Amino acid sequence: MLRNIVSNELYTVLLVIGIVIVAIAKLMAPKRFSDFILVLGNNKYLKIYAREQKFFDKFDGLLFSNLILSLSVFCYIIYQYITETRTVSINLLFKLAFGIAAFILIKVLIERLIASVFEIDKLIDTYLFQKITYKNYLGVFLLPINALLIFSFQPTLTTFYVIIILLLIVNLTGLISSFKTHQSLIKPNLFYFILYLCALEIAPYVILHKVFFTK
């Protein structure tokens, strides 16, 4: 059984790993990384790299790894605040990271399967690329936020609400951008796309909320 660590050493290690992962992605594709960082205000990245997407992309894979790491740390910080515990459990943090990664990956696989059934593969592939791009952006965005929460100041409930709202705004920006970019593809398949959104963008989170927050 792995021991609980009563310090920020584990957080420090995880933050350094996240920074190293992002740095490797930048060194591997500096031009792509520069376009990626500006994705919120510029669709250039989405237009160029959506055409070059592969089933497994090293650049996206690295940023996705950082997303899992950063999101797990952020969720654990919230857990510490709610439970008023000062310990950092390696076991619980690992289970959290595994659960988040499994949830996202399984969801993507199901989305691709349903896209094949509805014969809207092209639309969903591009949509998934954009959605994962914005999620990876959230992972990079969370790196400095996690560092501030751990080392600079004592987080409050208001702080967490503000951060979560910012994350939702970034995610919503990505969704709106996808709609604007692919209006011509979405309109002929609007009914199927609405079914897709209800089944795989709304329902999973409603279920998670009922599982974890409903007694």
N, C-alpha and C. Protein backbone atom coordinates (compact mmCIF):
# COMPACT_ATOMS: atom_id res chain seq x y z
N MET A 1 0.85 -1.20 0.00
CA MET A 1 0.00 0.00 0.00
C MET A 1 0.88 1.24 0.00
N LEU A 2 0.63 2.16 -0.91
CA LEU A 2 1.42 3.38 -0.97
C LEU A 2 1.03 4.31 0.17
N ARG A 3 2.00 5.00 0.74
CA ARG A 3 1.74 5.85 1.90
C ARG A 3 1.16 7.20 1.48
N ASN A 4 0.53 7.87 2.45
CA ASN A 4 0.06 9.24 2.24
C ASN A 4 1.20 10.20 2.50
N ILE A 5 1.31 11.25 1.69
CA ILE A 5 2.39 12.21 1.84
C ILE A 5 1.82 13.52 2.36
N VAL A 6 2.30 13.97 3.53
CA VAL A 6 1.80 15.21 4.13
C VAL A 6 2.73 16.36 3.75
N SER A 7 2.71 16.74 2.50
CA SER A 7 3.52 17.85 2.01
C SER A 7 3.10 18.13 0.58
N ASN A 8 3.77 19.10 -0.03
CA ASN A 8 3.48 19.44 -1.42
C ASN A 8 4.48 18.82 -2.38
N GLU A 9 5.28 17.88 -1.89
CA GLU A 9 6.32 17.27 -2.73
C GLU A 9 5.72 16.57 -3.94
N LEU A 10 4.66 15.82 -3.71
CA LEU A 10 4.03 15.10 -4.83
C LEU A 10 3.45 16.08 -5.84
N TYR A 11 2.80 17.13 -5.36
CA TYR A 11 2.28 18.17 -6.25
C TYR A 11 3.41 18.79 -7.08
N THR A 12 4.52 19.05 -6.41
CA THR A 12 5.67 19.66 -7.11
C THR A 12 6.16 18.76 -8.23
N VAL A 13 6.28 17.47 -7.94
CA VAL A 13 6.72 16.50 -8.94
C VAL A 13 5.75 16.46 -10.12
N LEU A 14 4.45 16.42 -9.82
CA LEU A 14 3.43 16.35 -10.88
C LEU A 14 3.40 17.61 -11.74
N LEU A 15 3.58 18.77 -11.09
CA LEU A 15 3.63 20.03 -11.84
C LEU A 15 4.84 20.08 -12.77
N VAL A 16 5.97 19.61 -12.26
CA VAL A 16 7.20 19.59 -13.07
C VAL A 16 7.02 18.64 -14.26
N ILE A 17 6.40 17.49 -14.00
CA ILE A 17 6.15 16.53 -15.09
C ILE A 17 5.25 17.17 -16.15
N GLY A 18 4.20 17.88 -15.71
CA GLY A 18 3.30 18.55 -16.64
C GLY A 18 4.03 19.59 -17.47
N ILE A 19 4.88 20.38 -16.83
CA ILE A 19 5.66 21.41 -17.55
C ILE A 19 6.61 20.77 -18.56
N VAL A 20 7.24 19.66 -18.16
CA VAL A 20 8.16 18.95 -19.06
C VAL A 20 7.41 18.40 -20.27
N ILE A 21 6.22 17.85 -20.05
CA ILE A 21 5.41 17.31 -21.14
C ILE A 21 5.06 18.42 -22.15
N VAL A 22 4.63 19.57 -21.64
CA VAL A 22 4.28 20.69 -22.50
C VAL A 22 5.51 21.20 -23.24
N ALA A 23 6.65 21.23 -22.54
CA ALA A 23 7.89 21.68 -23.17
C ALA A 23 8.32 20.75 -24.30
N ILE A 24 8.14 19.44 -24.10
CA ILE A 24 8.47 18.46 -25.14
C ILE A 24 7.58 18.68 -26.36
N ALA A 25 6.28 18.92 -26.12
CA ALA A 25 5.35 19.18 -27.22
C ALA A 25 5.78 20.42 -28.01
N LYS A 26 6.22 21.44 -27.28
CA LYS A 26 6.65 22.68 -27.93
C LYS A 26 7.93 22.45 -28.74
N LEU A 27 8.87 21.70 -28.19
CA LEU A 27 10.12 21.42 -28.90
C LEU A 27 9.88 20.54 -30.12
N MET A 28 8.93 19.64 -30.00
CA MET A 28 8.65 18.71 -31.08
C MET A 28 7.99 19.40 -32.27
N ALA A 29 7.12 20.39 -31.97
CA ALA A 29 6.41 21.10 -33.04
C ALA A 29 6.22 22.56 -32.63
N PRO A 30 7.29 23.36 -32.69
CA PRO A 30 7.22 24.76 -32.22
C PRO A 30 6.19 25.61 -32.94
N LYS A 31 6.08 25.47 -34.26
CA LYS A 31 5.11 26.26 -35.03
C LYS A 31 3.68 25.86 -34.65
N ARG A 32 3.44 24.57 -34.55
CA ARG A 32 2.11 24.09 -34.19
C ARG A 32 1.75 24.53 -32.77
N PHE A 33 2.73 24.50 -31.87
CA PHE A 33 2.47 24.89 -30.49
C PHE A 33 2.12 26.38 -30.41
N SER A 34 2.81 27.20 -31.20
CA SER A 34 2.53 28.64 -31.22
C SER A 34 1.10 28.90 -31.71
N ASP A 35 0.68 28.16 -32.74
CA ASP A 35 -0.68 28.30 -33.23
C ASP A 35 -1.69 27.79 -32.20
N PHE A 36 -1.32 26.72 -31.51
CA PHE A 36 -2.19 26.11 -30.50
C PHE A 36 -2.46 27.09 -29.35
N ILE A 37 -1.44 27.77 -28.88
CA ILE A 37 -1.58 28.70 -27.76
C ILE A 37 -2.52 29.85 -28.10
N LEU A 38 -2.63 30.20 -29.38
CA LEU A 38 -3.49 31.30 -29.81
C LEU A 38 -4.87 30.84 -30.27
N VAL A 39 -5.22 29.58 -29.98
CA VAL A 39 -6.44 28.99 -30.52
C VAL A 39 -7.70 29.70 -30.05
N LEU A 40 -7.69 30.31 -28.87
CA LEU A 40 -8.88 30.99 -28.36
C LEU A 40 -9.29 32.18 -29.22
N GLY A 41 -8.31 32.88 -29.76
CA GLY A 41 -8.64 34.06 -30.54
C GLY A 41 -8.42 33.91 -32.02
N ASN A 42 -8.00 32.70 -32.46
CA ASN A 42 -7.66 32.51 -33.86
C ASN A 42 -7.98 31.08 -34.28
N ASN A 43 -8.73 30.92 -35.36
CA ASN A 43 -9.10 29.59 -35.84
C ASN A 43 -8.05 28.95 -36.74
N LYS A 44 -6.91 29.60 -36.89
CA LYS A 44 -5.86 29.12 -37.78
C LYS A 44 -5.45 27.69 -37.43
N TYR A 45 -5.24 27.44 -36.14
CA TYR A 45 -4.80 26.11 -35.70
C TYR A 45 -5.83 25.05 -36.10
N LEU A 46 -7.10 25.33 -35.85
CA LEU A 46 -8.15 24.36 -36.13
C LEU A 46 -8.29 24.10 -37.63
N LYS A 47 -8.17 25.15 -38.43
CA LYS A 47 -8.33 24.99 -39.87
C LYS A 47 -7.17 24.20 -40.49
N ILE A 48 -5.95 24.47 -40.01
CA ILE A 48 -4.77 23.82 -40.59
C ILE A 48 -4.63 22.37 -40.14
N TYR A 49 -4.70 22.15 -38.82
CA TYR A 49 -4.33 20.85 -38.27
C TYR A 49 -5.49 19.86 -38.23
N ALA A 50 -6.72 20.33 -38.42
CA ALA A 50 -7.85 19.40 -38.52
C ALA A 50 -7.70 18.53 -39.75
N ARG A 51 -7.11 19.10 -40.81
CA ARG A 51 -6.92 18.33 -42.06
C ARG A 51 -5.79 17.32 -41.92
N GLU A 52 -4.89 17.56 -40.96
CA GLU A 52 -3.73 16.68 -40.80
C GLU A 52 -3.88 15.69 -39.65
N GLN A 53 -5.06 15.65 -39.02
CA GLN A 53 -5.24 14.82 -37.84
C GLN A 53 -5.09 13.34 -38.18
N LYS A 54 -4.54 12.61 -37.19
CA LYS A 54 -4.34 11.17 -37.32
C LYS A 54 -5.07 10.49 -36.17
N PHE A 55 -5.20 9.15 -36.26
CA PHE A 55 -5.86 8.41 -35.18
C PHE A 55 -5.06 8.58 -33.89
N PHE A 56 -3.73 8.51 -33.99
CA PHE A 56 -2.88 8.80 -32.84
C PHE A 56 -1.88 9.87 -33.22
N ASP A 57 -1.99 11.01 -32.58
CA ASP A 57 -1.13 12.15 -32.87
C ASP A 57 -0.24 12.39 -31.65
N LYS A 58 1.09 12.40 -31.85
CA LYS A 58 2.02 12.54 -30.73
C LYS A 58 1.83 13.87 -30.01
N PHE A 59 1.63 14.92 -30.78
CA PHE A 59 1.46 16.26 -30.20
C PHE A 59 0.22 16.29 -29.30
N ASP A 60 -0.91 15.83 -29.84
CA ASP A 60 -2.15 15.79 -29.05
C ASP A 60 -2.01 14.83 -27.87
N GLY A 61 -1.29 13.71 -28.10
CA GLY A 61 -1.10 12.73 -27.03
C GLY A 61 -0.35 13.31 -25.84
N LEU A 62 0.68 14.09 -26.11
CA LEU A 62 1.45 14.73 -25.04
C LEU A 62 0.58 15.73 -24.27
N LEU A 63 -0.13 16.57 -25.00
CA LEU A 63 -0.98 17.57 -24.35
C LEU A 63 -2.14 16.91 -23.60
N PHE A 64 -2.63 15.79 -24.12
CA PHE A 64 -3.69 15.06 -23.43
C PHE A 64 -3.17 14.49 -22.11
N SER A 65 -1.93 14.01 -22.11
CA SER A 65 -1.32 13.50 -20.87
C SER A 65 -1.24 14.60 -19.83
N ASN A 66 -0.86 15.79 -20.28
CA ASN A 66 -0.81 16.93 -19.36
C ASN A 66 -2.21 17.29 -18.86
N LEU A 67 -3.21 17.19 -19.74
CA LEU A 67 -4.59 17.47 -19.34
C LEU A 67 -5.01 16.56 -18.20
N ILE A 68 -4.76 15.27 -18.33
CA ILE A 68 -5.13 14.31 -17.29
C ILE A 68 -4.43 14.63 -15.99
N LEU A 69 -3.13 14.94 -16.10
CA LEU A 69 -2.32 15.27 -14.92
C LEU A 69 -2.84 16.54 -14.24
N SER A 70 -3.02 17.59 -15.01
CA SER A 70 -3.44 18.88 -14.46
C SER A 70 -4.85 18.84 -13.91
N LEU A 71 -5.75 18.16 -14.63
CA LEU A 71 -7.14 18.06 -14.18
C LEU A 71 -7.24 17.23 -12.91
N SER A 72 -6.44 16.18 -12.81
CA SER A 72 -6.43 15.33 -11.62
C SER A 72 -5.96 16.11 -10.40
N VAL A 73 -4.89 16.89 -10.59
CA VAL A 73 -4.37 17.71 -9.49
C VAL A 73 -5.41 18.74 -9.06
N PHE A 74 -6.05 19.40 -10.02
CA PHE A 74 -7.06 20.41 -9.70
C PHE A 74 -8.23 19.79 -8.94
N CYS A 75 -8.72 18.64 -9.42
CA CYS A 75 -9.83 17.95 -8.75
C CYS A 75 -9.44 17.52 -7.34
N TYR A 76 -8.17 17.10 -7.18
CA TYR A 76 -7.73 16.66 -5.85
C TYR A 76 -7.61 17.85 -4.90
N ILE A 77 -7.21 19.00 -5.42
CA ILE A 77 -7.15 20.21 -4.58
C ILE A 77 -8.56 20.57 -4.08
N ILE A 78 -9.55 20.44 -4.97
CA ILE A 78 -10.95 20.67 -4.57
C ILE A 78 -11.37 19.65 -3.51
N TYR A 79 -10.97 18.39 -3.73
CA TYR A 79 -11.30 17.33 -2.77
C TYR A 79 -10.70 17.64 -1.40
N GLN A 80 -9.46 18.11 -1.38
CA GLN A 80 -8.82 18.48 -0.13
C GLN A 80 -9.56 19.61 0.58
N TYR A 81 -10.03 20.57 -0.21
CA TYR A 81 -10.75 21.70 0.36
C TYR A 81 -12.08 21.24 0.97
N ILE A 82 -12.81 20.39 0.22
CA ILE A 82 -14.12 19.92 0.68
C ILE A 82 -14.00 19.05 1.93
N THR A 83 -13.01 18.15 1.93
CA THR A 83 -12.86 17.20 3.04
C THR A 83 -11.98 17.74 4.16
N GLU A 84 -11.37 18.91 3.92
CA GLU A 84 -10.49 19.55 4.90
C GLU A 84 -9.34 18.64 5.32
N THR A 85 -8.81 17.91 4.34
CA THR A 85 -7.65 17.05 4.60
C THR A 85 -6.40 17.70 4.04
N ARG A 86 -5.29 17.50 4.72
CA ARG A 86 -4.02 18.08 4.27
C ARG A 86 -3.10 17.03 3.66
N THR A 87 -3.55 15.79 3.68
CA THR A 87 -2.72 14.72 3.13
C THR A 87 -2.94 14.58 1.63
N VAL A 88 -1.91 14.09 0.95
CA VAL A 88 -1.99 13.82 -0.49
C VAL A 88 -1.82 12.32 -0.69
N SER A 89 -2.89 11.64 -1.00
CA SER A 89 -2.86 10.19 -1.19
C SER A 89 -2.48 9.84 -2.62
N ILE A 90 -1.36 9.15 -2.77
CA ILE A 90 -0.92 8.73 -4.11
C ILE A 90 -1.95 7.79 -4.72
N ASN A 91 -2.49 6.88 -3.89
CA ASN A 91 -3.48 5.92 -4.38
C ASN A 91 -4.70 6.64 -4.95
N LEU A 92 -5.24 7.57 -4.18
CA LEU A 92 -6.45 8.27 -4.59
C LEU A 92 -6.20 9.16 -5.80
N LEU A 93 -5.05 9.80 -5.83
CA LEU A 93 -4.70 10.66 -6.97
C LEU A 93 -4.55 9.83 -8.25
N PHE A 94 -3.95 8.65 -8.12
CA PHE A 94 -3.79 7.76 -9.27
C PHE A 94 -5.16 7.28 -9.76
N LYS A 95 -6.04 6.90 -8.82
CA LYS A 95 -7.38 6.44 -9.20
C LYS A 95 -8.16 7.55 -9.88
N LEU A 96 -7.99 8.78 -9.40
CA LEU A 96 -8.66 9.93 -9.99
C LEU A 96 -8.18 10.15 -11.42
N ALA A 97 -6.86 10.11 -11.62
CA ALA A 97 -6.29 10.29 -12.96
C ALA A 97 -6.76 9.18 -13.90
N PHE A 98 -6.76 7.95 -13.41
CA PHE A 98 -7.21 6.82 -14.23
C PHE A 98 -8.68 6.96 -14.60
N GLY A 99 -9.50 7.38 -13.63
CA GLY A 99 -10.93 7.54 -13.89
C GLY A 99 -11.21 8.63 -14.92
N ILE A 100 -10.51 9.75 -14.81
CA ILE A 100 -10.70 10.86 -15.76
C ILE A 100 -10.28 10.43 -17.17
N ALA A 101 -9.11 9.78 -17.26
CA ALA A 101 -8.60 9.33 -18.57
C ALA A 101 -9.55 8.31 -19.19
N ALA A 102 -10.00 7.35 -18.38
CA ALA A 102 -10.91 6.31 -18.88
C ALA A 102 -12.23 6.92 -19.35
N PHE A 103 -12.76 7.86 -18.58
CA PHE A 103 -14.03 8.51 -18.94
C PHE A 103 -13.92 9.22 -20.28
N ILE A 104 -12.86 10.01 -20.46
CA ILE A 104 -12.69 10.77 -21.71
C ILE A 104 -12.47 9.84 -22.90
N LEU A 105 -11.60 8.85 -22.74
CA LEU A 105 -11.27 7.95 -23.86
C LEU A 105 -12.46 7.08 -24.25
N ILE A 106 -13.16 6.54 -23.27
CA ILE A 106 -14.33 5.70 -23.56
C ILE A 106 -15.40 6.54 -24.26
N LYS A 107 -15.57 7.77 -23.78
CA LYS A 107 -16.55 8.68 -24.37
C LYS A 107 -16.21 8.96 -25.84
N VAL A 108 -14.93 9.19 -26.14
CA VAL A 108 -14.50 9.46 -27.52
C VAL A 108 -14.76 8.24 -28.41
N LEU A 109 -14.46 7.05 -27.91
CA LEU A 109 -14.68 5.82 -28.68
C LEU A 109 -16.17 5.62 -28.97
N ILE A 110 -17.02 5.87 -27.97
CA ILE A 110 -18.46 5.74 -28.17
C ILE A 110 -18.95 6.78 -29.18
N GLU A 111 -18.40 7.98 -29.09
CA GLU A 111 -18.78 9.05 -30.02
C GLU A 111 -18.46 8.66 -31.45
N ARG A 112 -17.28 8.08 -31.65
CA ARG A 112 -16.89 7.64 -33.00
C ARG A 112 -17.79 6.52 -33.49
N LEU A 113 -18.18 5.62 -32.58
CA LEU A 113 -19.06 4.52 -32.95
C LEU A 113 -20.43 5.04 -33.38
N ILE A 114 -20.98 5.96 -32.59
CA ILE A 114 -22.28 6.52 -32.92
C ILE A 114 -22.22 7.34 -34.21
N ALA A 115 -21.11 8.03 -34.43
CA ALA A 115 -20.94 8.79 -35.67
C ALA A 115 -20.99 7.86 -36.87
N SER A 116 -20.40 6.67 -36.72
CA SER A 116 -20.43 5.69 -37.82
C SER A 116 -21.85 5.20 -38.07
N VAL A 117 -22.61 4.99 -36.99
CA VAL A 117 -23.99 4.52 -37.12
C VAL A 117 -24.84 5.56 -37.84
N PHE A 118 -24.65 6.84 -37.49
CA PHE A 118 -25.43 7.92 -38.11
C PHE A 118 -24.83 8.40 -39.43
N GLU A 119 -23.66 7.82 -39.79
CA GLU A 119 -22.96 8.16 -41.02
C GLU A 119 -22.60 9.65 -41.09
N ILE A 120 -22.11 10.15 -39.97
CA ILE A 120 -21.63 11.55 -39.93
C ILE A 120 -20.18 11.56 -39.42
N ASP A 121 -19.41 10.60 -39.89
CA ASP A 121 -18.03 10.44 -39.45
C ASP A 121 -17.18 11.69 -39.67
N LYS A 122 -17.31 12.27 -40.85
CA LYS A 122 -16.48 13.43 -41.19
C LYS A 122 -16.77 14.59 -40.25
N LEU A 123 -18.06 14.83 -40.00
CA LEU A 123 -18.46 15.92 -39.11
C LEU A 123 -17.94 15.69 -37.69
N ILE A 124 -18.13 14.48 -37.17
CA ILE A 124 -17.76 14.19 -35.78
C ILE A 124 -16.24 14.14 -35.61
N ASP A 125 -15.52 13.63 -36.61
CA ASP A 125 -14.05 13.59 -36.52
C ASP A 125 -13.49 15.00 -36.34
N THR A 126 -13.99 15.92 -37.14
CA THR A 126 -13.53 17.30 -37.05
C THR A 126 -13.96 17.93 -35.73
N TYR A 127 -15.21 17.64 -35.35
CA TYR A 127 -15.73 18.16 -34.09
C TYR A 127 -14.92 17.64 -32.90
N LEU A 128 -14.58 16.36 -32.91
CA LEU A 128 -13.78 15.77 -31.83
C LEU A 128 -12.39 16.38 -31.77
N PHE A 129 -11.81 16.64 -32.94
CA PHE A 129 -10.49 17.27 -32.97
C PHE A 129 -10.54 18.64 -32.29
N GLN A 130 -11.56 19.41 -32.63
CA GLN A 130 -11.68 20.73 -32.03
C GLN A 130 -11.95 20.64 -30.54
N LYS A 131 -12.79 19.70 -30.15
CA LYS A 131 -13.14 19.55 -28.74
C LYS A 131 -11.92 19.13 -27.91
N ILE A 132 -11.14 18.18 -28.44
CA ILE A 132 -9.93 17.73 -27.73
C ILE A 132 -8.89 18.84 -27.69
N THR A 133 -8.83 19.64 -28.76
CA THR A 133 -7.89 20.78 -28.78
C THR A 133 -8.18 21.73 -27.63
N TYR A 134 -9.45 22.07 -27.44
CA TYR A 134 -9.81 22.99 -26.36
C TYR A 134 -9.63 22.35 -24.98
N LYS A 135 -9.86 21.05 -24.89
CA LYS A 135 -9.61 20.36 -23.61
C LYS A 135 -8.11 20.37 -23.30
N ASN A 136 -7.28 20.12 -24.31
CA ASN A 136 -5.83 20.18 -24.10
C ASN A 136 -5.39 21.58 -23.71
N TYR A 137 -6.07 22.57 -24.27
CA TYR A 137 -5.78 23.95 -23.91
C TYR A 137 -6.08 24.18 -22.43
N LEU A 138 -7.17 23.58 -21.96
CA LEU A 138 -7.52 23.68 -20.54
C LEU A 138 -6.42 23.08 -19.67
N GLY A 139 -5.80 21.98 -20.15
CA GLY A 139 -4.72 21.35 -19.41
C GLY A 139 -3.54 22.29 -19.23
N VAL A 140 -3.18 23.01 -20.30
CA VAL A 140 -2.09 23.98 -20.22
C VAL A 140 -2.50 25.16 -19.33
N PHE A 141 -3.75 25.58 -19.45
CA PHE A 141 -4.28 26.69 -18.65
C PHE A 141 -4.26 26.37 -17.15
N LEU A 142 -4.47 25.08 -16.82
CA LEU A 142 -4.53 24.67 -15.42
C LEU A 142 -3.16 24.59 -14.75
N LEU A 143 -2.10 24.48 -15.54
CA LEU A 143 -0.75 24.38 -14.95
C LEU A 143 -0.43 25.55 -14.02
N PRO A 144 -0.49 26.80 -14.50
CA PRO A 144 -0.20 27.92 -13.59
C PRO A 144 -1.25 28.08 -12.50
N ILE A 145 -2.51 27.73 -12.81
CA ILE A 145 -3.57 27.84 -11.81
C ILE A 145 -3.30 26.88 -10.65
N ASN A 146 -2.94 25.64 -10.96
CA ASN A 146 -2.61 24.67 -9.92
C ASN A 146 -1.43 25.13 -9.08
N ALA A 147 -0.43 25.68 -9.74
CA ALA A 147 0.76 26.17 -9.02
C ALA A 147 0.38 27.26 -8.03
N LEU A 148 -0.50 28.18 -8.46
CA LEU A 148 -0.95 29.26 -7.58
C LEU A 148 -1.76 28.72 -6.41
N LEU A 149 -2.65 27.77 -6.69
CA LEU A 149 -3.49 27.20 -5.63
C LEU A 149 -2.66 26.45 -4.59
N ILE A 150 -1.59 25.82 -5.04
CA ILE A 150 -0.77 25.00 -4.14
C ILE A 150 0.24 25.83 -3.35
N PHE A 151 0.89 26.76 -4.05
CA PHE A 151 2.04 27.43 -3.44
C PHE A 151 1.83 28.90 -3.06
N SER A 152 0.83 29.57 -3.66
CA SER A 152 0.76 31.02 -3.47
C SER A 152 -0.30 31.49 -2.46
N PHE A 153 -1.50 30.91 -2.54
CA PHE A 153 -2.53 31.38 -1.61
C PHE A 153 -3.49 30.26 -1.25
N GLN A 154 -4.21 30.50 -0.14
CA GLN A 154 -5.19 29.53 0.34
C GLN A 154 -6.46 29.64 -0.49
N PRO A 155 -6.84 28.59 -1.19
CA PRO A 155 -8.04 28.66 -2.04
C PRO A 155 -9.31 28.76 -1.22
N THR A 156 -10.31 29.43 -1.77
CA THR A 156 -11.62 29.53 -1.14
C THR A 156 -12.67 28.98 -2.10
N LEU A 157 -13.89 28.84 -1.62
CA LEU A 157 -14.97 28.33 -2.46
C LEU A 157 -15.20 29.26 -3.65
N THR A 158 -15.12 30.57 -3.38
CA THR A 158 -15.29 31.56 -4.46
C THR A 158 -14.21 31.40 -5.53
N THR A 159 -12.98 31.14 -5.08
CA THR A 159 -11.86 30.93 -6.02
C THR A 159 -12.15 29.77 -6.95
N PHE A 160 -12.63 28.67 -6.38
CA PHE A 160 -12.93 27.48 -7.20
C PHE A 160 -14.05 27.76 -8.18
N TYR A 161 -15.07 28.49 -7.74
CA TYR A 161 -16.18 28.84 -8.63
C TYR A 161 -15.69 29.68 -9.81
N VAL A 162 -14.84 30.65 -9.53
CA VAL A 162 -14.31 31.52 -10.58
C VAL A 162 -13.50 30.71 -11.59
N ILE A 163 -12.64 29.82 -11.08
CA ILE A 163 -11.80 28.99 -11.97
C ILE A 163 -12.66 28.07 -12.82
N ILE A 164 -13.64 27.43 -12.20
CA ILE A 164 -14.51 26.51 -12.93
C ILE A 164 -15.31 27.26 -14.01
N ILE A 165 -15.77 28.46 -13.69
CA ILE A 165 -16.50 29.28 -14.68
C ILE A 165 -15.59 29.63 -15.85
N LEU A 166 -14.33 29.97 -15.56
CA LEU A 166 -13.36 30.27 -16.62
C LEU A 166 -13.13 29.05 -17.51
N LEU A 167 -13.02 27.88 -16.89
CA LEU A 167 -12.82 26.64 -17.65
C LEU A 167 -14.03 26.36 -18.54
N LEU A 168 -15.23 26.59 -18.00
CA LEU A 168 -16.46 26.38 -18.77
C LEU A 168 -16.55 27.36 -19.95
N ILE A 169 -16.10 28.59 -19.72
CA ILE A 169 -16.11 29.60 -20.79
C ILE A 169 -15.19 29.17 -21.94
N VAL A 170 -13.99 28.66 -21.58
CA VAL A 170 -13.06 28.18 -22.61
C VAL A 170 -13.68 27.02 -23.38
N ASN A 171 -14.32 26.10 -22.65
CA ASN A 171 -14.95 24.95 -23.29
C ASN A 171 -16.11 25.38 -24.18
N LEU A 172 -16.91 26.34 -23.69
CA LEU A 172 -18.04 26.85 -24.47
C LEU A 172 -17.56 27.58 -25.71
N THR A 173 -16.45 28.30 -25.59
CA THR A 173 -15.85 28.98 -26.74
C THR A 173 -15.51 27.98 -27.84
N GLY A 174 -14.96 26.84 -27.41
CA GLY A 174 -14.63 25.78 -28.37
C GLY A 174 -15.86 25.23 -29.05
N LEU A 175 -16.94 25.04 -28.29
CA LEU A 175 -18.19 24.50 -28.84
C LEU A 175 -18.79 25.47 -29.85
N ILE A 176 -18.84 26.75 -29.50
CA ILE A 176 -19.38 27.76 -30.40
C ILE A 176 -18.53 27.87 -31.67
N SER A 177 -17.21 27.79 -31.49
CA SER A 177 -16.30 27.84 -32.64
C SER A 177 -16.56 26.67 -33.59
N SER A 178 -16.82 25.49 -33.03
CA SER A 178 -17.11 24.31 -33.85
C SER A 178 -18.39 24.51 -34.65
N PHE A 179 -19.42 25.05 -34.01
CA PHE A 179 -20.68 25.29 -34.70
C PHE A 179 -20.52 26.27 -35.85
N LYS A 180 -19.78 27.36 -35.59
CA LYS A 180 -19.59 28.38 -36.62
C LYS A 180 -18.78 27.84 -37.80
N THR A 181 -17.74 27.06 -37.48
CA THR A 181 -16.86 26.54 -38.52
C THR A 181 -17.56 25.53 -39.42
N HIS A 182 -18.47 24.76 -38.83
CA HIS A 182 -19.07 23.63 -39.58
C HIS A 182 -20.58 23.76 -39.73
N GLN A 183 -21.05 24.99 -39.85
CA GLN A 183 -22.49 25.19 -40.04
C GLN A 183 -23.03 24.45 -41.26
N SER A 184 -22.26 24.48 -42.33
CA SER A 184 -22.71 23.86 -43.58
C SER A 184 -22.85 22.35 -43.45
N LEU A 185 -22.03 21.75 -42.58
CA LEU A 185 -22.10 20.30 -42.37
C LEU A 185 -23.15 19.95 -41.32
N ILE A 186 -23.32 20.82 -40.32
CA ILE A 186 -24.23 20.52 -39.22
C ILE A 186 -25.69 20.65 -39.66
N LYS A 187 -26.00 21.68 -40.44
CA LYS A 187 -27.40 21.95 -40.81
C LYS A 187 -28.09 20.77 -41.50
N PRO A 188 -27.44 20.10 -42.48
CA PRO A 188 -28.11 18.95 -43.11
C PRO A 188 -28.27 17.75 -42.17
N ASN A 189 -27.45 17.72 -41.12
CA ASN A 189 -27.49 16.61 -40.17
C ASN A 189 -27.89 17.09 -38.77
N LEU A 190 -28.70 18.15 -38.73
CA LEU A 190 -29.01 18.81 -37.46
C LEU A 190 -29.68 17.87 -36.45
N PHE A 191 -30.64 17.09 -36.93
CA PHE A 191 -31.37 16.18 -36.03
C PHE A 191 -30.42 15.19 -35.36
N TYR A 192 -29.56 14.54 -36.18
CA TYR A 192 -28.61 13.57 -35.64
C TYR A 192 -27.59 14.24 -34.72
N PHE A 193 -27.20 15.46 -35.08
CA PHE A 193 -26.21 16.15 -34.27
C PHE A 193 -26.79 16.53 -32.90
N ILE A 194 -28.07 16.92 -32.87
CA ILE A 194 -28.73 17.23 -31.60
C ILE A 194 -28.84 15.96 -30.74
N LEU A 195 -29.18 14.85 -31.37
CA LEU A 195 -29.23 13.57 -30.64
C LEU A 195 -27.87 13.23 -30.07
N TYR A 196 -26.85 13.47 -30.88
CA TYR A 196 -25.47 13.21 -30.46
C TYR A 196 -25.11 14.06 -29.24
N LEU A 197 -25.45 15.35 -29.29
CA LEU A 197 -25.13 16.26 -28.19
C LEU A 197 -25.84 15.84 -26.91
N CYS A 198 -27.12 15.49 -27.03
CA CYS A 198 -27.89 15.09 -25.85
C CYS A 198 -27.36 13.79 -25.24
N ALA A 199 -27.03 12.84 -26.11
CA ALA A 199 -26.61 11.52 -25.64
C ALA A 199 -25.19 11.52 -25.09
N LEU A 200 -24.29 12.30 -25.70
CA LEU A 200 -22.87 12.18 -25.35
C LEU A 200 -22.22 13.45 -24.83
N GLU A 201 -22.91 14.57 -24.87
CA GLU A 201 -22.34 15.79 -24.31
C GLU A 201 -23.05 16.22 -23.04
N ILE A 202 -24.30 15.83 -22.90
CA ILE A 202 -25.07 16.25 -21.73
C ILE A 202 -25.32 15.09 -20.77
N ALA A 203 -25.82 13.98 -21.31
CA ALA A 203 -26.20 12.83 -20.46
C ALA A 203 -25.07 12.31 -19.57
N PRO A 204 -23.83 12.12 -20.08
CA PRO A 204 -22.77 11.58 -19.21
C PRO A 204 -22.50 12.43 -17.98
N TYR A 205 -22.55 13.76 -18.14
CA TYR A 205 -22.27 14.65 -17.01
C TYR A 205 -23.44 14.70 -16.03
N VAL A 206 -24.66 14.55 -16.55
CA VAL A 206 -25.82 14.47 -15.67
C VAL A 206 -25.74 13.21 -14.82
N ILE A 207 -25.35 12.11 -15.46
CA ILE A 207 -25.20 10.83 -14.74
C ILE A 207 -24.12 10.94 -13.68
N LEU A 208 -22.97 11.53 -14.03
CA LEU A 208 -21.88 11.71 -13.06
C LEU A 208 -22.33 12.56 -11.87
N HIS A 209 -23.10 13.60 -12.17
CA HIS A 209 -23.59 14.47 -11.09
C HIS A 209 -24.50 13.70 -10.14
N LYS A 210 -25.39 12.87 -10.72
CA LYS A 210 -26.31 12.09 -9.88
C LYS A 210 -25.56 11.06 -9.05
N VAL A 211 -24.52 10.45 -9.64
CA VAL A 211 -23.74 9.43 -8.93
C VAL A 211 -22.98 10.02 -7.75
N PHE A 212 -22.35 11.17 -7.95
CA PHE A 212 -21.45 11.72 -6.93
C PHE A 212 -22.11 12.74 -6.00
N PHE A 213 -23.20 13.39 -6.43
CA PHE A 213 -23.74 14.47 -5.62
C PHE A 213 -25.17 14.24 -5.14
N THR A 214 -25.80 13.15 -5.59
CA THR A 214 -27.14 12.85 -5.14
C THR A 214 -27.12 11.71 -4.14
N LYS A 215 -27.64 11.95 -2.98
CA LYS A 215 -27.67 10.90 -1.94
C LYS A 215 -28.86 9.98 -2.14
